[in-house]
Amino acid sequence: MSSKSKADWREKSLGELEKELEKKTKELIEFRFKHRQGQVKNVHQGKEIRKQIAVIKTIISQKKKEEKSLPQKKKGSIKK
């Protein structure tokens, strides 16, 4: 399991974060499946994956909010 810091995730683009979120979601599903079968030795791994998913979702939300709050440049309206 890779442990990335919040700063590493903040540097990524929205597309990369969404791919990472998809990857972590699949990882959590696989973990749950293996846990039900009794194949998991480290049961705390599920908690860590859920925390990572929450951090990624928070960062995605913040980035989307920043995009909306940035002033949009009007195209074609150049004043002299």
C-alpha atoms as a PDB file:
ATOM      1  CA  MET A   1       0.000   0.000   0.000  1.00  0.00           C
ATOM      2  CA  SER A   2       1.440   3.336  -0.973  1.00  0.00           C
ATOM      3  CA  SER A   3       1.326   6.091   1.584  1.00  0.00           C
ATOM      4  CA  LYS A   4       1.268   9.483  -0.047  1.00  0.00           C
ATOM      5  CA  SER A   5       1.161  12.687   1.868  1.00  0.00           C
ATOM      6  CA  LYS A   6      -1.592  15.238   1.411  1.00  0.00           C
ATOM      7  CA  ALA A   7       0.948  17.578  -0.181  1.00  0.00           C
ATOM      8  CA  ASP A   8       1.707  14.998  -2.891  1.00  0.00           C
ATOM      9  CA  TRP A   9      -1.980  14.699  -3.740  1.00  0.00           C
ATOM     10  CA  ARG A  10      -2.481  18.488  -3.735  1.00  0.00           C
ATOM     11  CA  GLU A  11       0.138  18.814  -6.481  1.00  0.00           C
ATOM     12  CA  LYS A  12      -1.794  16.530  -8.835  1.00  0.00           C
ATOM     13  CA  SER A  13      -4.377  17.664 -11.369  1.00  0.00           C
ATOM     14  CA  LEU A  14      -8.087  16.907 -11.083  1.00  0.00           C
ATOM     15  CA  GLY A  15      -7.822  14.141 -13.672  1.00  0.00           C
ATOM     16  CA  GLU A  16      -4.984  12.447 -11.827  1.00  0.00           C
ATOM     17  CA  LEU A  17      -6.868  12.723  -8.532  1.00  0.00           C
ATOM     18  CA  GLU A  18      -9.984  11.190 -10.039  1.00  0.00           C
ATOM     19  CA  LYS A  19      -7.910   8.279 -11.389  1.00  0.00           C
ATOM     20  CA  GLU A  20      -6.329   7.854  -7.942  1.00  0.00           C
ATOM     21  CA  LEU A  21      -9.799   7.917  -6.346  1.00  0.00           C
ATOM     22  CA  GLU A  22     -10.996   5.213  -8.729  1.00  0.00           C
ATOM     23  CA  LYS A  23      -7.900   3.137  -7.946  1.00  0.00           C
ATOM     24  CA  LYS A  24      -8.407   3.478  -4.173  1.00  0.00           C
ATOM     25  CA  THR A  25     -12.102   2.641  -4.469  1.00  0.00           C
ATOM     26  CA  LYS A  26     -11.235  -0.576  -6.338  1.00  0.00           C
ATOM     27  CA  GLU A  27      -8.568  -1.319  -3.719  1.00  0.00           C
ATOM     28  CA  LEU A  28     -11.178  -0.950  -0.951  1.00  0.00           C
ATOM     29  CA  ILE A  29     -13.602  -3.271  -2.759  1.00  0.00           C
ATOM     30  CA  GLU A  30     -10.857  -5.877  -3.178  1.00  0.00           C
ATOM     31  CA  PHE A  31      -9.902  -5.485   0.486  1.00  0.00           C
ATOM     32  CA  ARG A  32     -13.485  -6.032   1.618  1.00  0.00           C
ATOM     33  CA  PHE A  33     -13.799  -9.105  -0.586  1.00  0.00           C
ATOM     34  CA  LYS A  34     -10.560 -10.602   0.751  1.00  0.00           C
ATOM     35  CA  HIS A  35     -11.535  -9.720   4.320  1.00  0.00           C
ATOM     36  CA  ARG A  36     -14.805 -11.654   3.951  1.00  0.00           C
ATOM     37  CA  GLN A  37     -12.853 -14.653   2.695  1.00  0.00           C
ATOM     38  CA  GLY A  38     -10.440 -14.453   5.634  1.00  0.00           C
ATOM     39  CA  GLN A  39      -7.397 -13.715   3.446  1.00  0.00           C
ATOM     40  CA  VAL A  40      -6.488 -10.399   5.115  1.00  0.00           C
ATOM     41  CA  LYS A  41      -3.885 -10.310   7.875  1.00  0.00           C
ATOM     42  CA  ASN A  42      -3.846  -6.543   8.407  1.00  0.00           C
ATOM     43  CA  VAL A  43      -7.478  -5.620   9.063  1.00  0.00           C
ATOM     44  CA  HIS A  44      -6.550  -1.988   9.748  1.00  0.00           C
ATOM     45  CA  GLN A  45      -5.670  -1.557   6.095  1.00  0.00           C
ATOM     46  CA  GLY A  46      -9.351  -0.947   5.289  1.00  0.00           C
ATOM     47  CA  LYS A  47      -9.447   2.015   7.645  1.00  0.00           C
ATOM     48  CA  GLU A  48      -6.357   3.498   5.999  1.00  0.00           C
ATOM     49  CA  ILE A  49      -7.819   3.097   2.519  1.00  0.00           C
ATOM     50  CA  ARG A  50     -11.053   4.807   3.609  1.00  0.00           C
ATOM     51  CA  LYS A  51      -9.048   7.693   5.084  1.00  0.00           C
ATOM     52  CA  GLN A  52      -7.079   8.066   1.852  1.00  0.00           C
ATOM     53  CA  ILE A  53     -10.315   8.105  -0.161  1.00  0.00           C
ATOM     54  CA  ALA A  54     -11.704  10.820   2.119  1.00  0.00           C
ATOM     55  CA  VAL A  55      -8.568  12.954   1.711  1.00  0.00           C
ATOM     56  CA  ILE A  56      -8.635  12.586  -2.073  1.00  0.00           C
ATOM     57  CA  LYS A  57     -12.342  13.500  -2.221  1.00  0.00           C
ATOM     58  CA  THR A  58     -11.696  16.549  -0.032  1.00  0.00           C
ATOM     59  CA  ILE A  59      -8.846  17.746  -2.242  1.00  0.00           C
ATOM     60  CA  ILE A  60     -10.951  17.213  -5.398  1.00  0.00           C
ATOM     61  CA  SER A  61     -13.765  19.240  -3.842  1.00  0.00           C
ATOM     62  CA  GLN A  62     -11.371  22.039  -2.867  1.00  0.00           C
ATOM     63  CA  LYS A  63      -9.837  22.160  -6.346  1.00  0.00           C
ATOM     64  CA  LYS A  64     -13.270  22.332  -7.991  1.00  0.00           C
ATOM     65  CA  LYS A  65     -14.256  25.125  -5.626  1.00  0.00           C
ATOM     66  CA  GLU A  66     -11.038  27.021  -6.463  1.00  0.00           C
ATOM     67  CA  GLU A  67     -11.761  26.687 -10.184  1.00  0.00           C
ATOM     68  CA  LYS A  68     -15.210  28.207  -9.744  1.00  0.00           C
ATOM     69  CA  SER A  69     -13.926  31.068  -7.623  1.00  0.00           C
ATOM     70  CA  LEU A  70     -11.172  32.080 -10.065  1.00  0.00           C
ATOM     71  CA  PRO A  71     -12.191  35.057 -12.181  1.00  0.00           C
ATOM     72  CA  GLN A  72     -13.042  33.959 -15.690  1.00  0.00           C
ATOM     73  CA  LYS A  73     -11.469  35.871 -18.559  1.00  0.00           C
ATOM     74  CA  LYS A  74     -13.997  37.121 -21.041  1.00  0.00           C
ATOM     75  CA  LYS A  75     -13.126  36.081 -24.548  1.00  0.00           C
ATOM     76  CA  GLY A  76     -13.208  38.643 -27.289  1.00  0.00           C
ATOM     77  CA  SER A  77     -13.639  41.694 -25.091  1.00  0.00           C
ATOM     78  CA  ILE A  78     -10.353  43.542 -25.396  1.00  0.00           C
ATOM     79  CA  LYS A  79     -10.589  47.229 -24.532  1.00  0.00           C
ATOM     80  CA  LYS A  80      -8.129  49.776 -25.847  1.00  0.00           C
END
